[in-house]
Amino acid sequence: MPVPSIYLNAAGTSWPKPEPVQQAILRALAVDPARWPEAFDTAHARVASYFGVQDLRRLLLTPGCTSALSVGIPDLDWQAGDRVLISSHEHLALLRPVLALKARGVQVIIAPSGSEQTIDLDFVKDNLRAGGVRLVAFSAASNVTGALAPMQQMLNLAREHGALCLVDAAQVAGWLPIDVRRLEVDMLAFAGHKALQGPWGLGGLYVAPHVQMCTPRLQAALDRPGYCDVGSVDRLALHGLEAALEWLQAPERSARLVRARRHAEVLWRTLSDLPEVTLHGPQAPDARLPTVAMTCARRSPQALAEVLRAEGVIASAGQQCAPLAHRTLGTEAQGVLRLSVGVSTSEHDVLQAAQHLSTIYEQQG
């Protein structure tokens, strides 16, 4: 018989998808085309409401967070000499369109990491005070270590110095409450398939009303990018996400992150006791999402992941599409083994995974 899977790659995507999400996708297949516009508007409104967006025109649904960032960043009204500031832990989805701005005469500033943080706030302050920073863009949490960025402080600093602020919420949406009005964020991108529990193929970009955009391809001022820029919405994924958001609103919602962090601590403590293991990211559970990133001298992350897979444990090994983050961590050669807990991960799952990790080391000793 096949070994039952213990899924520890929630930072990559959520699994299993909740039953209501699966059923919503099946129902969406049978929707009469005459009702497609109505069904789309209802689901769009549900997603917008979750993020505190009042004007549906300000929330563009996209194929994912990557596509949201790929239009949100270049479509700002950039001028030669502008500066953009990012963190040293960014995913390629944000890093690639930012680096492409160099060809338009925009200076890219990479803020180094501070202790226990993904961003050195003193560096950010100094560069904002120097002037010329048009945009501060950063991930609300590292997709490698789960380390939480000082999001509210970054937003406040950008606002204080007249810079726009874009938040990549791919990792935190679904774990932490995100309300664009309360945050007063200028732009926000998200993915629906991670902690939000939706299916693959849907994300979104919020653009505040005061943000001036200008599509480079048209050289024309626009309120925001549109569906001609990102492509058609996956309606099955949209209705799946709509159901996922209803599921997330259950009474135990606030307890999910607490429980997941407690489970992740089982893995952290187990690994911290093993020889020649380095754990990456802040140690304090509330300073990170329920993710544990590790390297060891005995085996590469890839070799460890293969051994774990043979035991039924699914984890992520390598660079997680974040080479800049790995350069910062000093793990760019082989990456890390990332074990990330999801809302459906049980205590039994993490205890079994911890036992497998301990056994691997005993066999290597």
Protein backbone atom coordinates (compact mmCIF):
# COMPACT_ATOMS: atom_id res chain seq x y z
CA MET A 1 0.00 0.00 0.00
CA PRO A 2 1.24 3.57 -0.69
CA VAL A 3 2.47 5.56 2.28
CA PRO A 4 -0.12 8.25 3.28
CA SER A 5 1.22 11.72 2.57
CA ILE A 6 2.14 14.15 5.33
CA TYR A 7 1.94 17.47 3.53
CA LEU A 8 4.42 20.10 4.75
CA ASN A 9 4.58 22.46 1.77
CA ALA A 10 1.76 24.84 2.67
CA ALA A 11 3.95 27.86 1.84
CA GLY A 12 3.98 26.52 -1.72
CA THR A 13 0.27 25.82 -1.95
CA SER A 14 -2.47 24.63 0.37
CA TRP A 15 -3.51 20.96 0.35
CA PRO A 16 -5.91 19.33 0.65
CA LYS A 17 -8.37 21.95 -0.54
CA PRO A 18 -11.41 22.16 1.75
CA GLU A 19 -14.39 20.10 0.62
CA PRO A 20 -16.58 23.19 0.03
CA VAL A 21 -13.93 24.49 -2.39
CA GLN A 22 -13.92 21.26 -4.36
CA GLN A 23 -17.71 21.22 -4.52
CA ALA A 24 -17.85 24.87 -5.64
CA ILE A 25 -15.58 24.13 -8.58
CA LEU A 26 -17.80 21.26 -9.67
CA ARG A 27 -20.90 23.44 -9.40
CA ALA A 28 -19.22 26.20 -11.40
CA LEU A 29 -18.77 23.78 -14.30
CA ALA A 30 -22.55 23.54 -14.57
CA VAL A 31 -23.41 27.25 -14.38
CA ASP A 32 -25.56 28.39 -17.28
CA PRO A 33 -23.60 30.87 -19.47
CA ALA A 34 -26.50 33.29 -19.14
CA ARG A 35 -25.64 33.56 -15.44
CA TRP A 36 -21.87 33.97 -15.87
CA PRO A 37 -21.86 37.79 -15.50
CA GLU A 38 -24.00 37.67 -12.36
CA ALA A 39 -21.98 34.82 -10.85
CA PHE A 40 -18.72 36.64 -11.64
CA ASP A 41 -19.88 39.88 -10.00
CA THR A 42 -21.05 38.04 -6.87
CA ALA A 43 -17.75 36.17 -6.48
CA HIS A 44 -15.70 39.28 -7.28
CA ALA A 45 -17.58 41.18 -4.58
CA ARG A 46 -16.93 38.39 -2.08
CA VAL A 47 -13.18 38.51 -2.72
CA ALA A 48 -13.15 42.31 -2.56
CA SER A 49 -15.05 42.29 0.73
CA TYR A 50 -12.51 39.92 2.26
CA PHE A 51 -9.75 42.47 1.62
CA GLY A 52 -11.83 45.50 2.61
CA VAL A 53 -12.09 46.77 -0.98
CA GLN A 54 -15.27 48.83 -1.47
CA ASP A 55 -14.96 49.70 -5.16
CA LEU A 56 -14.77 46.50 -7.23
CA ARG A 57 -13.05 48.41 -10.03
CA ARG A 58 -10.01 48.80 -7.77
CA LEU A 59 -9.49 45.02 -7.44
CA LEU A 60 -8.25 43.32 -10.60
CA LEU A 61 -8.50 39.54 -10.50
CA THR A 62 -5.46 37.94 -12.12
CA PRO A 63 -4.08 34.44 -12.83
CA GLY A 64 -1.97 34.73 -9.67
CA CYS A 65 0.20 36.96 -7.52
CA THR A 66 3.04 36.83 -10.06
CA SER A 67 0.84 38.20 -12.84
CA ALA A 68 -0.53 40.85 -10.47
CA LEU A 69 2.97 42.09 -9.69
CA SER A 70 4.01 41.87 -13.34
CA VAL A 71 1.49 44.59 -14.26
CA GLY A 72 1.25 46.47 -10.97
CA ILE A 73 4.93 47.39 -10.80
CA PRO A 74 5.75 48.39 -14.42
CA ASP A 75 2.43 50.18 -14.93
CA LEU A 76 3.17 52.89 -12.39
CA ASP A 77 3.93 56.23 -13.99
CA TRP A 78 7.72 55.85 -13.69
CA GLN A 79 10.11 58.64 -14.59
CA ALA A 80 13.86 58.36 -15.16
CA GLY A 81 15.61 59.11 -11.87
CA ASP A 82 12.89 57.60 -9.70
CA ARG A 83 14.00 55.15 -7.01
CA VAL A 84 12.33 51.94 -5.85
CA LEU A 85 13.18 50.28 -2.54
CA ILE A 86 12.72 46.55 -1.89
CA SER A 87 13.88 44.07 0.76
CA SER A 88 16.66 41.53 0.42
CA HIS A 89 14.23 38.61 0.78
CA GLU A 90 12.06 39.08 -2.29
CA HIS A 91 10.51 36.36 -4.44
CA LEU A 92 11.27 36.53 -8.17
CA ALA A 93 7.66 37.52 -8.79
CA LEU A 94 8.45 40.92 -7.27
CA LEU A 95 12.17 41.07 -7.98
CA ARG A 96 11.95 40.49 -11.75
CA PRO A 97 9.64 43.42 -12.65
CA VAL A 98 11.53 45.70 -10.25
CA LEU A 99 14.90 44.93 -11.84
CA ALA A 100 13.39 45.50 -15.29
CA LEU A 101 12.76 49.12 -14.26
CA LYS A 102 16.50 49.78 -14.52
CA ALA A 103 16.09 49.92 -18.29
CA ARG A 104 13.75 52.88 -17.76
CA GLY A 105 16.27 54.81 -15.67
CA VAL A 106 14.89 53.78 -12.30
CA GLN A 107 17.34 53.12 -9.46
CA VAL A 108 16.75 49.92 -7.48
CA ILE A 109 17.68 49.98 -3.78
CA ILE A 110 17.82 46.72 -1.83
CA ALA A 111 17.42 47.12 1.92
CA PRO A 112 19.56 44.68 3.92
CA SER A 113 18.16 42.49 6.65
CA GLY A 114 18.12 43.56 10.24
CA SER A 115 18.36 41.15 13.15
CA GLU A 116 15.19 39.07 13.44
CA GLN A 117 13.65 41.09 10.59
CA THR A 118 13.41 40.83 6.85
CA ILE A 119 14.05 44.56 6.45
CA ASP A 120 16.48 46.96 8.15
CA LEU A 121 14.18 49.85 9.08
CA ASP A 122 17.03 52.28 9.73
CA PHE A 123 18.25 51.74 6.17
CA VAL A 124 14.72 52.30 4.88
CA LYS A 125 14.37 55.54 6.86
CA ASP A 126 17.70 56.89 5.64
CA ASN A 127 16.84 56.25 1.99
CA LEU A 128 13.36 57.69 2.27
CA ARG A 129 14.76 60.82 3.88
CA ALA A 130 17.25 61.15 1.01
CA GLY A 131 14.29 61.59 -1.33
CA GLY A 132 13.35 60.32 -4.76
CA VAL A 133 11.87 56.99 -3.64
CA ARG A 134 8.73 56.53 -5.73
CA LEU A 135 7.80 53.06 -4.46
CA VAL A 136 8.53 50.84 -1.48
CA ALA A 137 7.70 47.24 -2.44
CA PHE A 138 8.12 44.18 -0.25
CA SER A 139 6.74 40.78 0.67
CA ALA A 140 4.80 40.76 3.93
CA ALA A 141 6.50 37.46 4.81
CA SER A 142 9.47 35.59 3.40
CA ASN A 143 8.41 32.58 1.34
CA VAL A 144 11.66 30.86 2.41
CA THR A 145 11.73 31.28 6.20
CA GLY A 146 8.24 32.63 6.91
CA ALA A 147 9.80 35.68 8.64
CA LEU A 148 7.26 38.48 8.91
CA ALA A 149 8.22 41.90 7.60
CA PRO A 150 7.44 44.97 9.75
CA MET A 151 4.53 45.71 7.42
CA GLN A 152 2.76 48.47 9.30
CA GLN A 153 6.03 50.27 10.04
CA MET A 154 7.02 50.10 6.37
CA LEU A 155 3.64 51.48 5.31
CA ASN A 156 3.89 54.30 7.83
CA LEU A 157 7.42 55.22 6.76
CA ALA A 158 6.52 55.27 3.07
CA ARG A 159 3.45 57.43 3.72
CA GLU A 160 5.42 59.82 5.93
CA HIS A 161 7.94 60.44 3.15
CA GLY A 162 5.53 60.62 0.23
CA ALA A 163 6.36 57.28 -1.33
CA LEU A 164 3.86 54.72 -2.57
CA CYS A 165 3.87 51.30 -0.93
CA LEU A 166 3.14 47.94 -2.56
CA VAL A 167 2.68 44.84 -0.39
CA ASP A 168 3.10 41.32 -1.75
CA ALA A 169 0.65 39.46 0.48
CA ALA A 170 1.03 36.04 -1.18
CA GLN A 171 2.26 34.38 2.01
CA VAL A 172 0.17 36.18 4.64
CA ALA A 173 -3.28 36.41 3.03
CA GLY A 174 -5.39 33.82 4.81
CA TRP A 175 -3.13 33.72 7.86
CA LEU A 176 -3.31 37.39 8.85
CA PRO A 177 -6.24 39.81 8.43
CA ILE A 178 -5.66 42.11 5.47
CA ASP A 179 -7.87 45.19 5.11
CA VAL A 180 -6.60 47.66 2.53
CA ARG A 181 -8.52 50.55 4.11
CA ARG A 182 -7.14 50.02 7.59
CA LEU A 183 -3.63 49.48 6.29
CA GLU A 184 -3.98 52.46 3.93
CA VAL A 185 -1.94 50.48 1.43
CA ASP A 186 -1.45 51.91 -2.07
CA MET A 187 -1.15 48.58 -3.89
CA LEU A 188 -1.53 45.00 -2.75
CA ALA A 189 -1.04 41.71 -4.60
CA PHE A 190 -2.22 38.32 -3.38
CA ALA A 191 -2.42 34.66 -4.36
CA GLY A 192 -5.57 32.63 -3.81
CA HIS A 193 -4.07 29.15 -3.61
CA LYS A 194 -1.92 29.40 -0.47
CA ALA A 195 -3.34 30.13 3.00
CA LEU A 196 -6.55 31.42 1.42
CA GLN A 197 -7.27 27.75 0.53
CA GLY A 198 -8.42 28.48 -3.01
CA PRO A 199 -7.46 26.53 -6.13
CA TRP A 200 -4.56 27.36 -8.40
CA GLY A 201 -5.00 29.99 -11.08
CA LEU A 202 -6.32 33.06 -9.28
CA GLY A 203 -4.85 36.05 -7.51
CA GLY A 204 -5.43 39.75 -7.52
CA LEU A 205 -4.10 43.29 -7.55
CA TYR A 206 -5.60 46.13 -5.53
CA VAL A 207 -4.78 49.67 -6.67
CA ALA A 208 -5.90 52.60 -4.50
CA PRO A 209 -7.85 55.38 -6.24
CA HIS A 210 -5.09 57.97 -5.87
CA VAL A 211 -2.43 55.84 -7.59
CA GLN A 212 -1.68 57.04 -11.12
CA MET A 213 -0.84 54.29 -13.58
CA CYS A 214 0.55 54.45 -17.12
CA THR A 215 0.82 51.35 -19.29
CA PRO A 216 4.25 51.50 -20.99
CA ARG A 217 2.97 49.67 -24.05
CA LEU A 218 0.34 52.33 -24.72
CA GLN A 219 2.07 55.37 -23.23
CA ALA A 220 -1.33 56.34 -21.91
CA ALA A 221 -2.52 57.25 -18.42
CA LEU A 222 -4.85 54.67 -16.87
CA ASP A 223 -6.66 54.25 -13.58
CA ARG A 224 -5.36 50.69 -13.33
CA PRO A 225 -4.46 47.65 -15.46
CA GLY A 226 -7.38 45.65 -16.87
CA TYR A 227 -8.20 42.19 -18.14
CA CYS A 228 -6.66 42.97 -21.50
CA ASP A 229 -3.35 43.20 -19.62
CA VAL A 230 -3.54 40.01 -17.55
CA GLY A 231 -5.95 37.73 -19.43
CA SER A 232 -9.29 36.13 -18.70
CA VAL A 233 -10.24 35.15 -15.16
CA ASP A 234 -10.33 31.44 -14.40
CA ARG A 235 -13.97 31.23 -13.34
CA LEU A 236 -13.63 27.80 -11.76
CA ALA A 237 -10.79 29.09 -9.61
CA LEU A 238 -12.79 32.22 -8.78
CA HIS A 239 -15.77 30.25 -7.50
CA GLY A 240 -13.43 27.95 -5.61
CA LEU A 241 -11.84 30.95 -3.92
CA GLU A 242 -15.26 32.40 -3.13
CA ALA A 243 -16.12 29.16 -1.29
CA ALA A 244 -12.71 29.13 0.40
CA LEU A 245 -13.28 32.59 1.84
CA GLU A 246 -16.62 31.51 3.26
CA TRP A 247 -14.90 28.48 4.79
CA LEU A 248 -12.16 30.66 6.29
CA GLN A 249 -14.73 32.81 8.09
CA ALA A 250 -15.69 29.91 10.38
CA PRO A 251 -15.56 30.72 14.13
CA GLU A 252 -12.24 28.94 14.69
CA ARG A 253 -10.49 31.18 12.14
CA SER A 254 -8.40 33.06 14.71
CA ALA A 255 -7.19 29.79 16.22
CA ARG A 256 -5.78 28.37 12.99
CA LEU A 257 -2.55 30.34 12.99
CA VAL A 258 -2.00 29.67 16.70
CA ARG A 259 -2.44 25.95 16.14
CA ALA A 260 -0.25 25.92 13.03
CA ARG A 261 2.53 27.82 14.82
CA ARG A 262 2.35 25.32 17.67
CA HIS A 263 2.75 22.46 15.21
CA ALA A 264 5.66 24.23 13.47
CA GLU A 265 7.39 24.57 16.84
CA VAL A 266 7.46 20.79 17.15
CA LEU A 267 9.53 20.69 13.98
CA TRP A 268 11.73 23.63 15.07
CA ARG A 269 12.55 22.01 18.42
CA THR A 270 13.24 18.63 16.85
CA LEU A 271 15.60 20.11 14.28
CA SER A 272 17.36 22.37 16.78
CA ASP A 273 18.39 19.26 18.73
CA LEU A 274 19.97 17.54 15.72
CA PRO A 275 23.71 17.82 15.02
CA GLU A 276 25.07 20.05 12.26
CA VAL A 277 21.67 21.61 11.53
CA THR A 278 21.21 25.33 10.90
CA LEU A 279 17.76 26.85 11.21
CA HIS A 280 17.10 30.00 9.20
CA GLY A 281 14.77 32.81 10.17
CA PRO A 282 13.60 34.25 13.48
CA GLN A 283 13.27 31.78 16.35
CA ALA A 284 10.23 33.44 17.96
CA PRO A 285 7.07 31.73 16.63
CA ASP A 286 5.11 34.98 16.41
CA ALA A 287 7.85 36.55 14.26
CA ARG A 288 7.19 34.13 11.41
CA LEU A 289 4.49 32.13 9.75
CA PRO A 290 4.40 28.36 10.54
CA THR A 291 7.44 27.66 8.37
CA VAL A 292 10.77 26.07 9.30
CA ALA A 293 13.76 26.40 6.94
CA MET A 294 16.87 24.32 7.54
CA THR A 295 20.22 23.27 6.12
CA CYS A 296 22.64 20.66 7.40
CA ALA A 297 26.20 19.58 6.79
CA ARG A 298 25.34 15.91 6.34
CA ARG A 299 22.95 16.03 3.40
CA SER A 300 21.76 18.51 0.83
CA PRO A 301 18.21 19.83 1.10
CA GLN A 302 17.33 17.89 -2.04
CA ALA A 303 18.66 14.60 -0.62
CA LEU A 304 16.75 15.15 2.63
CA ALA A 305 13.55 15.89 0.72
CA GLU A 306 13.93 12.65 -1.24
CA VAL A 307 14.36 10.59 1.92
CA LEU A 308 11.37 12.30 3.51
CA ARG A 309 9.26 11.72 0.41
CA ALA A 310 10.02 8.02 0.62
CA GLU A 311 8.52 8.16 4.11
CA GLY A 312 5.47 10.04 2.82
CA VAL A 313 6.53 13.53 3.96
CA ILE A 314 6.16 16.24 1.30
CA ALA A 315 8.46 19.26 1.75
CA SER A 316 10.14 21.86 -0.46
CA ALA A 317 13.86 21.72 -1.25
CA GLY A 318 15.89 24.27 -3.17
CA GLN A 319 15.59 28.01 -3.72
CA GLN A 320 11.79 28.43 -3.67
CA CYS A 321 12.03 30.98 -6.55
CA ALA A 322 13.80 33.43 -4.22
CA PRO A 323 17.50 33.60 -5.17
CA LEU A 324 17.93 37.03 -3.57
CA ALA A 325 16.62 35.68 -0.27
CA HIS A 326 19.03 32.75 -0.43
CA ARG A 327 21.93 35.07 -1.18
CA THR A 328 20.95 37.00 1.94
CA LEU A 329 20.72 33.83 4.02
CA GLY A 330 23.98 32.41 2.63
CA THR A 331 22.16 29.39 1.19
CA GLU A 332 22.33 30.20 -2.51
CA ALA A 333 24.40 27.11 -3.39
CA GLN A 334 21.72 24.52 -2.61
CA GLY A 335 18.85 26.37 -0.97
CA VAL A 336 17.08 25.04 2.09
CA LEU A 337 14.71 22.31 3.15
CA ARG A 338 11.46 24.14 3.90
CA LEU A 339 8.82 22.51 6.09
CA SER A 340 5.64 24.60 6.18
CA VAL A 341 2.51 23.79 8.14
CA GLY A 342 -0.99 24.43 6.80
CA VAL A 343 -4.44 24.81 8.31
CA SER A 344 -5.16 21.10 7.79
CA THR A 345 -1.89 19.82 9.26
CA SER A 346 -2.56 17.70 12.34
CA GLU A 347 -0.50 17.20 15.46
CA HIS A 348 -0.06 13.58 14.38
CA ASP A 349 1.39 14.77 11.05
CA VAL A 350 4.09 16.92 12.63
CA LEU A 351 4.97 14.32 15.26
CA GLN A 352 5.40 11.72 12.52
CA ALA A 353 7.49 14.09 10.42
CA ALA A 354 9.65 14.98 13.44
CA GLN A 355 10.20 11.30 14.12
CA HIS A 356 11.24 10.69 10.52
CA LEU A 357 13.74 13.57 10.70
CA SER A 358 15.22 12.23 13.93
CA THR A 359 15.49 8.73 12.47
CA ILE A 360 17.28 10.00 9.38
CA TYR A 361 19.92 11.59 11.58
CA GLU A 362 20.28 8.55 13.78
CA GLN A 363 20.93 6.45 10.69
CA GLN A 364 23.50 8.96 9.49
CA GLY A 365 25.28 9.12 12.84
